[in-house]
Amino acid sequence: MGNQEKENWKPRLNQRLKGFLAAIIFIFLLLSSRLFFLQIVNAQEFSKQSAENRIRINPIEARRGDILARGGEVLATSQVVYVITIRTMPNQDLDTVINNLANLLGDPELTPAAIKDLIKKNPYRYEPTEIKRIPANDPAAAALIARLEEHREEVPGVNIIEEPQRYYPNGPLAGHVLGYVGQITQEELDAHKEDNYSPNDKIGKSGIESFLEYSNVNGQEIGLRGKNGAEQVEVDALNRKVRDLVTLPPPRGIQSN
């Protein structure tokens, strides 16, 4: 009886082995066809996407023209500041990046919750979110920038750029006459549709800063506002600049007396 059962199992075992082999062959063919599709059929598309991901076009903010008194005293000028921004990236653990950034900044006002709130309030999701700006002549600036660069792998998507920031040597003196500069609003963007302003631009809000902001007379552009430039750079997976490709320097605004 035992020999007969063994004989009956043989055809069933062979049948199962054949089914198992067929399944393996099917899976192998499926994986091979998928690999062929990815590496041969879609190779050009993936290559294009890879190139687009590693090439960035960054705007270079123009320096505004200085405002001088009749005797040549500087009433309004610009100084260099470091601007720390964050951009969301594919496969990025944003919560971890935010926590790491908050620890590196060491600013009690820039907690992880505060940074998340800044990102949430950014109306232009395709633009990086500004987190902090610090004047280049601030004694703490060099140490902060060095710390961020040293821990770059912990904060992918975080970038540091240099920008000109408006500076008034005499502080609030004559502020009602000079006015001030601020972030452009959506209403101002709509009002200056033909003047090539972008969402991250600064604009004169009042006083001389506003009155002499920008004019286009017979095709000639005049005013304190400069014309932004741009740089095309290659970046790595951590959004670090690898090399410069093309740079268009920004012409500064016209000095006013």
C-alpha atoms as a PDB file:
ATOM      1  CA  MET A   1       0.000   0.000   0.000  1.00  0.00           C
ATOM      2  CA  GLY A   2       2.904   2.313   0.834  1.00  0.00           C
ATOM      3  CA  ASN A   3       4.600   1.694  -2.537  1.00  0.00           C
ATOM      4  CA  GLN A   4       1.367   2.428  -4.367  1.00  0.00           C
ATOM      5  CA  GLU A   5       0.976   5.786  -2.568  1.00  0.00           C
ATOM      6  CA  LYS A   6       4.539   6.730  -3.501  1.00  0.00           C
ATOM      7  CA  GLU A   7       3.840   5.852  -7.143  1.00  0.00           C
ATOM      8  CA  ASN A   8       0.690   8.042  -7.079  1.00  0.00           C
ATOM      9  CA  TRP A   9       2.637  10.998  -5.667  1.00  0.00           C
ATOM     10  CA  LYS A  10       5.210  11.022  -8.468  1.00  0.00           C
ATOM     11  CA  PRO A  11       2.971  12.406 -11.226  1.00  0.00           C
ATOM     12  CA  ARG A  12       1.499  14.976  -8.844  1.00  0.00           C
ATOM     13  CA  LEU A  13       5.006  16.069  -7.736  1.00  0.00           C
ATOM     14  CA  ASN A  14       6.142  16.348 -11.356  1.00  0.00           C
ATOM     15  CA  GLN A  15       3.054  18.401 -12.133  1.00  0.00           C
ATOM     16  CA  ARG A  16       3.772  20.777  -9.235  1.00  0.00           C
ATOM     17  CA  LEU A  17       7.411  21.128 -10.257  1.00  0.00           C
ATOM     18  CA  LYS A  18       6.372  21.963 -13.807  1.00  0.00           C
ATOM     19  CA  GLY A  19       3.919  24.601 -12.491  1.00  0.00           C
ATOM     20  CA  PHE A  20       6.613  26.066 -10.225  1.00  0.00           C
ATOM     21  CA  LEU A  21       9.090  26.176 -13.135  1.00  0.00           C
ATOM     22  CA  ALA A  22       6.480  27.854 -15.349  1.00  0.00           C
ATOM     23  CA  ALA A  23       5.871  30.494 -12.661  1.00  0.00           C
ATOM     24  CA  ILE A  24       9.605  31.187 -12.383  1.00  0.00           C
ATOM     25  CA  ILE A  25       9.912  31.524 -16.162  1.00  0.00           C
ATOM     26  CA  PHE A  26       6.903  33.860 -16.251  1.00  0.00           C
ATOM     27  CA  ILE A  27       8.336  36.090 -13.495  1.00  0.00           C
ATOM     28  CA  PHE A  28      11.726  36.129 -15.232  1.00  0.00           C
ATOM     29  CA  LEU A  29      10.128  37.166 -18.542  1.00  0.00           C
ATOM     30  CA  LEU A  30       8.079  39.826 -16.769  1.00  0.00           C
ATOM     31  CA  LEU A  31      11.153  41.313 -15.059  1.00  0.00           C
ATOM     32  CA  SER A  32      13.165  41.134 -18.287  1.00  0.00           C
ATOM     33  CA  SER A  33      10.470  42.955 -20.266  1.00  0.00           C
ATOM     34  CA  ARG A  34      10.230  45.642 -17.541  1.00  0.00           C
ATOM     35  CA  LEU A  35      14.003  46.057 -17.527  1.00  0.00           C
ATOM     36  CA  PHE A  36      13.998  46.343 -21.329  1.00  0.00           C
ATOM     37  CA  PHE A  37      11.267  48.980 -21.141  1.00  0.00           C
ATOM     38  CA  LEU A  38      13.138  51.047 -18.526  1.00  0.00           C
ATOM     39  CA  GLN A  39      16.647  50.809 -19.985  1.00  0.00           C
ATOM     40  CA  ILE A  40      15.883  50.840 -23.717  1.00  0.00           C
ATOM     41  CA  VAL A  41      12.446  52.283 -24.433  1.00  0.00           C
ATOM     42  CA  ASN A  42      12.417  55.011 -21.747  1.00  0.00           C
ATOM     43  CA  ALA A  43      16.166  55.600 -21.496  1.00  0.00           C
ATOM     44  CA  GLN A  44      16.033  58.973 -23.245  1.00  0.00           C
ATOM     45  CA  GLU A  45      13.141  60.235 -21.092  1.00  0.00           C
ATOM     46  CA  PHE A  46      14.846  59.214 -17.845  1.00  0.00           C
ATOM     47  CA  SER A  47      18.084  60.763 -19.019  1.00  0.00           C
ATOM     48  CA  LYS A  48      16.245  64.023 -19.681  1.00  0.00           C
ATOM     49  CA  GLN A  49      14.609  63.936 -16.219  1.00  0.00           C
ATOM     50  CA  SER A  50      17.967  63.266 -14.579  1.00  0.00           C
ATOM     51  CA  ALA A  51      19.519  66.245 -16.372  1.00  0.00           C
ATOM     52  CA  GLU A  52      16.612  68.486 -15.342  1.00  0.00           C
ATOM     53  CA  ASN A  53      16.967  67.421 -11.689  1.00  0.00           C
ATOM     54  CA  ARG A  54      20.671  68.211 -11.525  1.00  0.00           C
ATOM     55  CA  ILE A  55      20.503  71.548 -13.354  1.00  0.00           C
ATOM     56  CA  ARG A  56      19.213  74.553 -11.422  1.00  0.00           C
ATOM     57  CA  ILE A  57      18.580  78.116 -12.552  1.00  0.00           C
ATOM     58  CA  ASN A  58      18.967  80.436  -9.571  1.00  0.00           C
ATOM     59  CA  PRO A  59      18.022  84.132  -9.742  1.00  0.00           C
ATOM     60  CA  ILE A  60      20.657  86.655  -8.662  1.00  0.00           C
ATOM     61  CA  GLU A  61      19.043  89.634  -6.979  1.00  0.00           C
ATOM     62  CA  ALA A  62      20.242  92.984  -8.266  1.00  0.00           C
ATOM     63  CA  ARG A  63      21.608  95.595  -5.913  1.00  0.00           C
ATOM     64  CA  ARG A  64      19.445  98.693  -5.644  1.00  0.00           C
ATOM     65  CA  GLY A  65      20.910 102.076  -6.425  1.00  0.00           C
ATOM     66  CA  ASP A  66      22.176 104.135  -3.494  1.00  0.00           C
ATOM     67  CA  ILE A  67      20.417 107.287  -2.293  1.00  0.00           C
ATOM     68  CA  LEU A  68      22.838 110.138  -1.586  1.00  0.00           C
ATOM     69  CA  ALA A  69      22.460 113.550   0.033  1.00  0.00           C
ATOM     70  CA  ARG A  70      23.471 116.634  -1.958  1.00  0.00           C
ATOM     71  CA  GLY A  71      26.907 116.585  -0.300  1.00  0.00           C
ATOM     72  CA  GLY A  72      27.506 112.943  -1.202  1.00  0.00           C
ATOM     73  CA  GLU A  73      26.578 111.429   2.169  1.00  0.00           C
ATOM     74  CA  VAL A  74      25.105 107.934   1.738  1.00  0.00           C
ATOM     75  CA  LEU A  75      21.525 107.850   3.044  1.00  0.00           C
ATOM     76  CA  ALA A  76      20.510 104.432   1.698  1.00  0.00           C
ATOM     77  CA  THR A  77      22.705 101.625   0.375  1.00  0.00           C
ATOM     78  CA  SER A  78      22.861  97.822   0.347  1.00  0.00           C
ATOM     79  CA  GLN A  79      24.854  95.300   2.330  1.00  0.00           C
ATOM     80  CA  VAL A  80      25.422  91.599   1.707  1.00  0.00           C
ATOM     81  CA  VAL A  81      23.362  89.104   3.707  1.00  0.00           C
ATOM     82  CA  TYR A  82      23.298  85.312   3.769  1.00  0.00           C
ATOM     83  CA  VAL A  83      19.834  83.919   3.112  1.00  0.00           C
ATOM     84  CA  ILE A  84      19.104  80.385   4.306  1.00  0.00           C
ATOM     85  CA  THR A  85      16.287  78.708   2.382  1.00  0.00           C
ATOM     86  CA  ILE A  86      14.712  75.273   2.193  1.00  0.00           C
ATOM     87  CA  ARG A  87      13.243  73.542  -0.843  1.00  0.00           C
ATOM     88  CA  THR A  88      11.228  70.310  -0.763  1.00  0.00           C
ATOM     89  CA  MET A  89      12.937  67.485  -2.653  1.00  0.00           C
ATOM     90  CA  PRO A  90      11.870  64.001  -3.859  1.00  0.00           C
ATOM     91  CA  ASN A  91      12.221  61.236  -1.219  1.00  0.00           C
ATOM     92  CA  GLN A  92      12.999  63.866   1.404  1.00  0.00           C
ATOM     93  CA  ASP A  93      12.102  63.178   5.050  1.00  0.00           C
ATOM     94  CA  LEU A  94      11.019  66.767   5.603  1.00  0.00           C
ATOM     95  CA  ASP A  95      10.363  66.428   9.341  1.00  0.00           C
ATOM     96  CA  THR A  96      13.880  65.095   9.960  1.00  0.00           C
ATOM     97  CA  VAL A  97      15.428  67.819   7.789  1.00  0.00           C
ATOM     98  CA  ILE A  98      13.477  70.516   9.665  1.00  0.00           C
ATOM     99  CA  ASN A  99      14.550  69.141  13.057  1.00  0.00           C
ATOM    100  CA  ASN A 100      18.192  68.991  11.948  1.00  0.00           C
ATOM    101  CA  LEU A 101      18.029  72.514  10.538  1.00  0.00           C
ATOM    102  CA  ALA A 102      16.521  73.909  13.747  1.00  0.00           C
ATOM    103  CA  ASN A 103      19.313  72.295  15.792  1.00  0.00           C
ATOM    104  CA  LEU A 104      22.012  73.676  13.485  1.00  0.00           C
ATOM    105  CA  LEU A 105      20.567  77.192  13.454  1.00  0.00           C
ATOM    106  CA  GLY A 106      20.430  77.319  17.253  1.00  0.00           C
ATOM    107  CA  ASP A 107      17.891  80.148  17.095  1.00  0.00           C
ATOM    108  CA  PRO A 108      15.251  79.905  19.870  1.00  0.00           C
ATOM    109  CA  GLU A 109      12.710  81.596  17.579  1.00  0.00           C
ATOM    110  CA  LEU A 110      13.259  79.095  14.762  1.00  0.00           C
ATOM    111  CA  THR A 111      11.914  75.929  16.334  1.00  0.00           C
ATOM    112  CA  PRO A 112      10.847  72.983  14.132  1.00  0.00           C
ATOM    113  CA  ALA A 113       7.235  74.150  14.520  1.00  0.00           C
ATOM    114  CA  ALA A 114       8.159  77.702  13.454  1.00  0.00           C
ATOM    115  CA  ILE A 115      10.044  76.431  10.377  1.00  0.00           C
ATOM    116  CA  LYS A 116       7.089  74.214   9.401  1.00  0.00           C
ATOM    117  CA  ASP A 117       4.818  77.242   9.735  1.00  0.00           C
ATOM    118  CA  LEU A 118       7.062  79.282   7.403  1.00  0.00           C
ATOM    119  CA  ILE A 119       6.950  76.516   4.792  1.00  0.00           C
ATOM    120  CA  LYS A 120       3.186  76.213   5.143  1.00  0.00           C
ATOM    121  CA  LYS A 121       2.696  79.957   4.678  1.00  0.00           C
ATOM    122  CA  ASN A 122       4.828  80.122   1.526  1.00  0.00           C
ATOM    123  CA  PRO A 123       2.258  80.957  -1.188  1.00  0.00           C
ATOM    124  CA  TYR A 124       4.648  79.913  -3.978  1.00  0.00           C
ATOM    125  CA  ARG A 125       5.273  76.218  -3.413  1.00  0.00           C
ATOM    126  CA  TYR A 126       7.591  76.002  -6.421  1.00  0.00           C
ATOM    127  CA  GLU A 127       9.867  78.606  -4.790  1.00  0.00           C
ATOM    128  CA  PRO A 128      12.217  77.845  -1.861  1.00  0.00           C
ATOM    129  CA  THR A 129      11.083  79.089   1.552  1.00  0.00           C
ATOM    130  CA  GLU A 130      13.245  81.695   3.279  1.00  0.00           C
ATOM    131  CA  ILE A 131      14.063  80.576   6.819  1.00  0.00           C
ATOM    132  CA  LYS A 132      16.676  83.046   8.065  1.00  0.00           C
ATOM    133  CA  ARG A 133      18.849  85.891   6.842  1.00  0.00           C
ATOM    134  CA  ILE A 134      21.982  87.118   8.564  1.00  0.00           C
ATOM    135  CA  PRO A 135      24.256  90.029   7.522  1.00  0.00           C
ATOM    136  CA  ALA A 136      27.641  88.903   6.238  1.00  0.00           C
ATOM    137  CA  ASN A 137      29.364  91.286   8.681  1.00  0.00           C
ATOM    138  CA  ASP A 138      27.596  89.719  11.681  1.00  0.00           C
ATOM    139  CA  PRO A 139      30.246  88.021  13.884  1.00  0.00           C
ATOM    140  CA  ALA A 140      28.063  84.893  14.087  1.00  0.00           C
ATOM    141  CA  ALA A 141      27.563  84.596  10.310  1.00  0.00           C
ATOM    142  CA  ALA A 142      30.789  82.776   9.408  1.00  0.00           C
ATOM    143  CA  ALA A 143      30.363  80.147  12.138  1.00  0.00           C
ATOM    144  CA  LEU A 144      26.721  79.504  11.197  1.00  0.00           C
ATOM    145  CA  ILE A 145      27.443  79.100   7.489  1.00  0.00           C
ATOM    146  CA  ALA A 146      30.408  76.802   8.232  1.00  0.00           C
ATOM    147  CA  ARG A 147      28.214  74.668  10.522  1.00  0.00           C
ATOM    148  CA  LEU A 148      25.515  74.283   7.871  1.00  0.00           C
ATOM    149  CA  GLU A 149      28.050  73.369   5.194  1.00  0.00           C
ATOM    150  CA  GLU A 150      29.738  70.853   7.488  1.00  0.00           C
ATOM    151  CA  HIS A 151      26.409  69.092   8.123  1.00  0.00           C
ATOM    152  CA  ARG A 152      25.094  69.459   4.577  1.00  0.00           C
ATOM    153  CA  GLU A 153      24.158  65.766   4.329  1.00  0.00           C
ATOM    154  CA  GLU A 154      21.742  66.182   7.258  1.00  0.00           C
ATOM    155  CA  VAL A 155      19.796  69.006   5.592  1.00  0.00           C
ATOM    156  CA  PRO A 156      19.185  68.139   1.922  1.00  0.00           C
ATOM    157  CA  GLY A 157      17.210  70.877   0.192  1.00  0.00           C
ATOM    158  CA  VAL A 158      18.675  73.640   2.373  1.00  0.00           C
ATOM    159  CA  ASN A 159      20.553  76.279   0.418  1.00  0.00           C
ATOM    160  CA  ILE A 160      22.598  79.369   1.312  1.00  0.00           C
ATOM    161  CA  ILE A 161      22.701  82.330  -1.069  1.00  0.00           C
ATOM    162  CA  GLU A 162      24.082  85.849  -0.895  1.00  0.00           C
ATOM    163  CA  GLU A 163      21.743  88.773  -1.478  1.00  0.00           C
ATOM    164  CA  PRO A 164      21.935  92.552  -1.167  1.00  0.00           C
ATOM    165  CA  GLN A 165      19.777  93.919   1.654  1.00  0.00           C
ATOM    166  CA  ARG A 166      18.755  97.552   2.063  1.00  0.00           C
ATOM    167  CA  TYR A 167      20.694  99.376   4.754  1.00  0.00           C
ATOM    168  CA  TYR A 168      20.211 102.890   6.136  1.00  0.00           C
ATOM    169  CA  PRO A 169      23.445 104.156   7.785  1.00  0.00           C
ATOM    170  CA  ASN A 170      21.560 106.797   9.798  1.00  0.00           C
ATOM    171  CA  GLY A 171      18.895 104.401  11.032  1.00  0.00           C
ATOM    172  CA  PRO A 172      15.381 105.880  11.230  1.00  0.00           C
ATOM    173  CA  LEU A 173      16.626 109.441  10.604  1.00  0.00           C
ATOM    174  CA  ALA A 174      14.612 110.927   7.714  1.00  0.00           C
ATOM    175  CA  GLY A 175      12.877 107.570   7.337  1.00  0.00           C
ATOM    176  CA  HIS A 176       9.593 109.263   6.443  1.00  0.00           C
ATOM    177  CA  VAL A 177      11.350 110.870   3.461  1.00  0.00           C
ATOM    178  CA  LEU A 178      13.511 107.956   2.356  1.00  0.00           C
ATOM    179  CA  GLY A 179      10.755 105.387   2.812  1.00  0.00           C
ATOM    180  CA  TYR A 180      11.523 101.685   2.945  1.00  0.00           C
ATOM    181  CA  VAL A 181      11.760  98.509   0.846  1.00  0.00           C
ATOM    182  CA  GLY A 182       9.718  95.341   1.416  1.00  0.00           C
ATOM    183  CA  GLN A 183       8.587  92.070  -0.132  1.00  0.00           C
ATOM    184  CA  ILE A 184       6.395  92.568  -3.163  1.00  0.00           C
ATOM    185  CA  THR A 185       2.728  91.648  -2.674  1.00  0.00           C
ATOM    186  CA  GLN A 186       0.383  89.925  -5.105  1.00  0.00           C
ATOM    187  CA  GLU A 187      -1.425  93.237  -5.656  1.00  0.00           C
ATOM    188  CA  GLU A 188       1.879  94.932  -6.536  1.00  0.00           C
ATOM    189  CA  LEU A 189       2.781  92.053  -8.835  1.00  0.00           C
ATOM    190  CA  ASP A 190      -0.498  92.521 -10.685  1.00  0.00           C
ATOM    191  CA  ALA A 191       0.037  96.288 -10.890  1.00  0.00           C
ATOM    192  CA  HIS A 192       3.568  95.824 -12.308  1.00  0.00           C
ATOM    193  CA  LYS A 193       2.699  93.004 -14.707  1.00  0.00           C
ATOM    194  CA  GLU A 194       4.697  94.481 -17.568  1.00  0.00           C
ATOM    195  CA  ASP A 195       7.790  95.307 -15.473  1.00  0.00           C
ATOM    196  CA  ASN A 196       9.049  91.723 -15.012  1.00  0.00           C
ATOM    197  CA  TYR A 197       8.808  91.524 -11.228  1.00  0.00           C
ATOM    198  CA  SER A 198       8.862  88.058  -9.648  1.00  0.00           C
ATOM    199  CA  PRO A 199       7.215  86.800  -6.413  1.00  0.00           C
ATOM    200  CA  ASN A 200      10.457  87.001  -4.391  1.00  0.00           C
ATOM    201  CA  ASP A 201      11.400  90.543  -5.459  1.00  0.00           C
ATOM    202  CA  LYS A 202      11.672  93.524  -3.116  1.00  0.00           C
ATOM    203  CA  ILE A 203      10.026  96.821  -4.016  1.00  0.00           C
ATOM    204  CA  GLY A 204       9.986 100.383  -2.678  1.00  0.00           C
ATOM    205  CA  LYS A 205       6.966 100.780  -0.414  1.00  0.00           C
ATOM    206  CA  SER A 206       7.015 104.505   0.394  1.00  0.00           C
ATOM    207  CA  GLY A 207       9.021 107.759   0.188  1.00  0.00           C
ATOM    208  CA  ILE A 208      11.927 108.096  -2.242  1.00  0.00           C
ATOM    209  CA  GLU A 209      12.313 104.315  -2.370  1.00  0.00           C
ATOM    210  CA  SER A 210       8.861 104.068  -3.924  1.00  0.00           C
ATOM    211  CA  PHE A 211       8.879 107.299  -5.961  1.00  0.00           C
ATOM    212  CA  LEU A 212      12.147 106.390  -7.711  1.00  0.00           C
ATOM    213  CA  GLU A 213      11.500 102.636  -7.805  1.00  0.00           C
ATOM    214  CA  TYR A 214      11.290 102.107 -11.557  1.00  0.00           C
ATOM    215  CA  SER A 215      10.340 103.889 -14.747  1.00  0.00           C
ATOM    216  CA  ASN A 216      10.458 102.965 -18.389  1.00  0.00           C
ATOM    217  CA  VAL A 217      10.669 106.113 -20.492  1.00  0.00           C
ATOM    218  CA  ASN A 218      10.791 105.568 -24.245  1.00  0.00           C
ATOM    219  CA  GLY A 219      12.311 102.126 -23.716  1.00  0.00           C
ATOM    220  CA  GLN A 220      14.931 103.397 -21.264  1.00  0.00           C
ATOM    221  CA  GLU A 221      14.770 101.775 -17.811  1.00  0.00           C
ATOM    222  CA  ILE A 222      15.634 104.103 -14.939  1.00  0.00           C
ATOM    223  CA  GLY A 223      15.184 103.953 -11.180  1.00  0.00           C
ATOM    224  CA  LEU A 224      16.634 102.522  -7.989  1.00  0.00           C
ATOM    225  CA  ARG A 225      15.546  99.020  -8.890  1.00  0.00           C
ATOM    226  CA  GLY A 226      18.229  96.934 -10.562  1.00  0.00           C
ATOM    227  CA  LYS A 227      17.670  94.149 -13.067  1.00  0.00           C
ATOM    228  CA  ASN A 228      17.991  90.629 -11.689  1.00  0.00           C
ATOM    229  CA  GLY A 229      20.525  88.267 -13.175  1.00  0.00           C
ATOM    230  CA  ALA A 230      20.644  84.458 -13.090  1.00  0.00           C
ATOM    231  CA  GLU A 231      23.039  81.574 -12.767  1.00  0.00           C
ATOM    232  CA  GLN A 232      22.718  78.076 -14.179  1.00  0.00           C
ATOM    233  CA  VAL A 233      24.462  75.549 -11.954  1.00  0.00           C
ATOM    234  CA  GLU A 234      24.854  71.802 -11.671  1.00  0.00           C
ATOM    235  CA  VAL A 235      23.933  70.333  -8.268  1.00  0.00           C
ATOM    236  CA  ASP A 236      24.356  66.933  -6.641  1.00  0.00           C
ATOM    237  CA  ALA A 237      21.741  64.797  -4.866  1.00  0.00           C
ATOM    238  CA  LEU A 238      22.014  67.016  -1.765  1.00  0.00           C
ATOM    239  CA  ASN A 239      21.322  70.185  -3.770  1.00  0.00           C
ATOM    240  CA  ARG A 240      24.953  71.288  -3.364  1.00  0.00           C
ATOM    241  CA  LYS A 241      26.464  73.278  -6.214  1.00  0.00           C
ATOM    242  CA  VAL A 242      28.961  71.164  -8.153  1.00  0.00           C
ATOM    243  CA  ARG A 243      29.936  73.684 -10.820  1.00  0.00           C
ATOM    244  CA  ASP A 244      28.826  76.900 -12.482  1.00  0.00           C
ATOM    245  CA  LEU A 245      27.515  76.608 -16.028  1.00  0.00           C
ATOM    246  CA  VAL A 246      26.276  80.060 -17.101  1.00  0.00           C
ATOM    247  CA  THR A 247      26.102  83.317 -15.120  1.00  0.00           C
ATOM    248  CA  LEU A 248      24.289  86.499 -16.121  1.00  0.00           C
ATOM    249  CA  PRO A 249      25.393  89.189 -13.626  1.00  0.00           C
ATOM    250  CA  PRO A 250      22.672  91.614 -12.477  1.00  0.00           C
ATOM    251  CA  PRO A 251      23.033  95.300 -13.406  1.00  0.00           C
ATOM    252  CA  ARG A 252      22.573  97.436 -10.285  1.00  0.00           C
ATOM    253  CA  GLY A 253      20.028 100.227 -10.006  1.00  0.00           C
ATOM    254  CA  ILE A 254      20.844 103.851 -10.783  1.00  0.00           C
ATOM    255  CA  GLN A 255      22.278 105.960  -7.976  1.00  0.00           C
ATOM    256  CA  SER A 256      20.100 108.880  -6.909  1.00  0.00           C
ATOM    257  CA  ASN A 257      21.167 112.228  -5.419  1.00  0.00           C
END
